[in-house]
Amino acid sequence: MSAGVAGPTLVLVVAVGVLVGCGVTLLLERSLSRILLGVIMLGNGVNLLILVGGRAGAAPVVGAAPGGRLSDALPQAMILTAIVITFGLTAFLLAVSYRSWYLTGDDEVPDDIEDRQIRQAAERNGLAAVDRGGEGPDGDPEQVDPEPPRRLGGGEGPT
């Protein structure tokens, strides 16, 4: 964007849409390498979107230009932060992808056994509500809200 242009050009807006769209499409794949590429493309698309949202102008240095003609420094700082976060996530996904390839020979994410069982039960319309813990509905501490502690007040309790 230049200083004379009132807003973002159509090319930048289309580039943001293409990067984000392709990134989301790649994130939905089963291969970790495609997921990694999707994260990178989505990160670059969001960075470009933040840049397009900023005000164009001169460098945000005091005394370089009049106050009203300076560019906004906040989107630039947000983009730098987003680049670092995307880089860290990329490094983590690369490590996970390499570990998966090293152990199994490919980087495809397999289905869990529980996912397969749930899918098969849903196909049969036989989702059973069985208490596998055996505590019963009132004895399971994760399912029952505890009673709130009683407060002392109004002359009750020890004095």
Protein backbone atom coordinates (compact mmCIF):
# COMPACT_ATOMS: atom_id res chain seq x y z
CA MET A 1 0.00 0.00 0.00
CA SER A 2 1.24 3.46 -0.74
CA ALA A 3 0.54 6.72 1.06
CA GLY A 4 -1.85 7.92 -1.67
CA VAL A 5 -4.10 4.85 -1.59
CA ALA A 6 -7.15 5.16 0.66
CA GLY A 7 -7.41 1.45 1.53
CA PRO A 8 -6.03 -1.97 0.73
CA THR A 9 -5.80 -2.99 -2.88
CA LEU A 10 -7.90 -5.80 -4.25
CA VAL A 11 -4.78 -7.91 -4.86
CA LEU A 12 -3.90 -7.91 -1.14
CA VAL A 13 -7.44 -8.79 -0.10
CA VAL A 14 -7.55 -11.66 -2.62
CA ALA A 15 -4.11 -12.84 -1.45
CA VAL A 16 -5.38 -12.93 2.15
CA GLY A 17 -8.44 -14.92 1.08
CA VAL A 18 -6.39 -17.41 -0.95
CA LEU A 19 -3.79 -17.94 1.79
CA VAL A 20 -6.38 -18.40 4.54
CA GLY A 21 -8.60 -20.61 2.37
CA CYS A 22 -5.74 -22.87 1.28
CA GLY A 23 -4.39 -22.96 4.83
CA VAL A 24 -7.72 -24.09 6.30
CA THR A 25 -8.12 -26.69 3.54
CA LEU A 26 -4.67 -28.11 4.29
CA LEU A 27 -5.37 -28.14 8.04
CA LEU A 28 -8.26 -30.54 7.42
CA GLU A 29 -5.99 -33.16 5.82
CA ARG A 30 -4.76 -36.34 7.59
CA SER A 31 -1.06 -35.91 6.72
CA LEU A 32 1.06 -34.00 9.24
CA SER A 33 3.17 -32.46 6.47
CA ARG A 34 0.04 -30.98 4.89
CA ILE A 35 -1.16 -29.79 8.29
CA LEU A 36 2.22 -28.10 8.73
CA LEU A 37 1.91 -26.35 5.37
CA GLY A 38 -1.64 -25.32 6.32
CA VAL A 39 -0.42 -23.74 9.56
CA ILE A 40 2.28 -21.83 7.67
CA MET A 41 -0.14 -20.60 4.99
CA LEU A 42 -2.78 -19.65 7.55
CA GLY A 43 -0.19 -17.76 9.60
CA ASN A 44 1.03 -15.85 6.56
CA GLY A 45 -2.53 -15.03 5.53
CA VAL A 46 -3.40 -13.69 8.97
CA ASN A 47 -0.16 -11.67 9.05
CA LEU A 48 -1.06 -10.11 5.71
CA LEU A 49 -4.58 -9.40 7.00
CA ILE A 50 -3.15 -7.58 10.02
CA LEU A 51 -0.84 -5.60 7.74
CA VAL A 52 -3.72 -4.63 5.43
CA GLY A 53 -5.68 -3.39 8.45
CA GLY A 54 -2.96 -0.93 9.47
CA ARG A 55 -2.67 2.68 8.42
CA ALA A 56 -0.14 3.42 5.68
CA GLY A 57 2.29 6.31 6.04
CA ALA A 58 5.83 7.27 6.91
CA ALA A 59 8.02 5.28 9.27
CA PRO A 60 6.75 5.53 12.87
CA VAL A 61 9.85 7.36 14.13
CA VAL A 62 9.46 10.55 16.12
CA GLY A 63 10.45 13.55 14.03
CA ALA A 64 10.45 11.66 10.68
CA ALA A 65 7.14 13.13 9.53
CA PRO A 66 4.17 15.07 10.92
CA GLY A 67 2.11 13.12 13.46
CA GLY A 68 -0.87 12.48 11.18
CA ARG A 69 1.23 10.94 8.38
CA LEU A 70 2.95 8.20 10.42
CA SER A 71 2.04 4.56 9.88
CA ASP A 72 0.52 2.60 12.72
CA ALA A 73 3.19 0.66 14.60
CA LEU A 74 0.80 -1.70 16.42
CA PRO A 75 0.05 -3.98 13.42
CA GLN A 76 3.77 -4.28 12.75
CA ALA A 77 4.42 -5.34 16.34
CA MET A 78 1.51 -7.80 16.22
CA ILE A 79 2.88 -9.31 13.00
CA LEU A 80 6.32 -9.78 14.55
CA THR A 81 4.73 -11.54 17.52
CA ALA A 82 2.61 -13.71 15.21
CA ILE A 83 5.70 -14.66 13.19
CA VAL A 84 7.45 -15.87 16.33
CA ILE A 85 4.39 -17.86 17.44
CA THR A 86 4.00 -19.41 13.97
CA PHE A 87 7.68 -20.31 13.94
CA GLY A 88 7.39 -22.06 17.32
CA LEU A 89 4.28 -23.97 16.21
CA THR A 90 6.02 -24.92 12.96
CA ALA A 91 9.04 -26.26 14.85
CA PHE A 92 6.75 -28.30 17.12
CA LEU A 93 4.79 -29.74 14.19
CA LEU A 94 8.03 -30.58 12.39
CA ALA A 95 9.21 -32.50 15.46
CA VAL A 96 5.89 -34.35 15.75
CA SER A 97 5.89 -35.13 12.03
CA TYR A 98 9.47 -36.43 12.12
CA ARG A 99 8.73 -38.56 15.19
CA SER A 100 5.65 -40.04 13.53
CA TRP A 101 7.61 -40.77 10.35
CA TYR A 102 10.46 -42.31 12.35
CA LEU A 103 8.15 -44.62 14.32
CA THR A 104 5.57 -45.61 11.70
CA GLY A 105 7.13 -44.84 8.32
CA ASP A 106 4.52 -42.24 7.37
CA ASP A 107 3.14 -39.03 8.79
CA GLU A 108 -0.57 -39.75 8.52
CA VAL A 109 -2.64 -39.30 11.65
CA PRO A 110 -4.41 -42.61 12.44
CA ASP A 111 -7.86 -42.99 13.96
CA ASP A 112 -8.01 -43.81 17.64
CA ILE A 113 -9.61 -47.09 18.68
CA GLU A 114 -12.19 -45.15 20.69
CA ASP A 115 -13.03 -43.01 17.64
CA ARG A 116 -13.70 -46.14 15.61
CA GLN A 117 -15.89 -47.60 18.36
CA ILE A 118 -17.91 -44.39 18.67
CA ARG A 119 -18.34 -44.19 14.91
CA GLN A 120 -19.49 -47.82 14.72
CA ALA A 121 -21.93 -47.32 17.60
CA ALA A 122 -23.29 -44.16 15.99
CA GLU A 123 -23.79 -46.01 12.71
CA ARG A 124 -25.82 -48.65 14.57
CA ASN A 125 -27.68 -45.93 16.51
CA GLY A 126 -26.75 -47.84 19.60
CA LEU A 127 -24.90 -45.32 21.74
CA ALA A 128 -25.17 -46.91 25.15
CA ALA A 129 -25.20 -44.82 28.30
CA VAL A 130 -23.30 -47.33 30.40
CA ASP A 131 -21.54 -46.23 33.57
CA ARG A 132 -18.13 -47.79 32.98
CA GLY A 133 -16.75 -46.53 36.29
CA GLY A 134 -19.30 -48.38 38.41
CA GLU A 135 -19.83 -45.54 40.89
CA GLY A 136 -23.42 -44.83 39.98
CA PRO A 137 -24.84 -41.44 39.02
CA ASP A 138 -24.52 -39.89 42.50
CA GLY A 139 -21.14 -41.33 43.44
CA ASP A 140 -19.03 -40.05 40.56
CA PRO A 141 -17.13 -36.98 41.82
CA GLU A 142 -16.56 -35.76 38.26
CA GLN A 143 -20.28 -35.75 37.45
CA VAL A 144 -21.82 -34.47 40.69
CA ASP A 145 -21.44 -30.85 41.74
CA PRO A 146 -20.22 -30.62 45.33
CA GLU A 147 -22.35 -28.76 47.80
CA PRO A 148 -21.09 -25.27 48.58
CA PRO A 149 -19.41 -24.85 51.97
CA ARG A 150 -21.71 -23.63 54.70
CA ARG A 151 -21.07 -20.16 56.04
CA LEU A 152 -21.27 -19.21 59.65
CA GLY A 153 -23.60 -16.32 60.20
CA GLY A 154 -26.53 -14.98 62.15
CA GLY A 155 -25.34 -16.20 65.55
CA GLU A 156 -24.78 -19.79 64.48
CA GLY A 157 -21.71 -21.74 65.35
CA PRO A 158 -19.08 -21.33 68.07
CA THR A 159 -18.65 -17.99 69.79
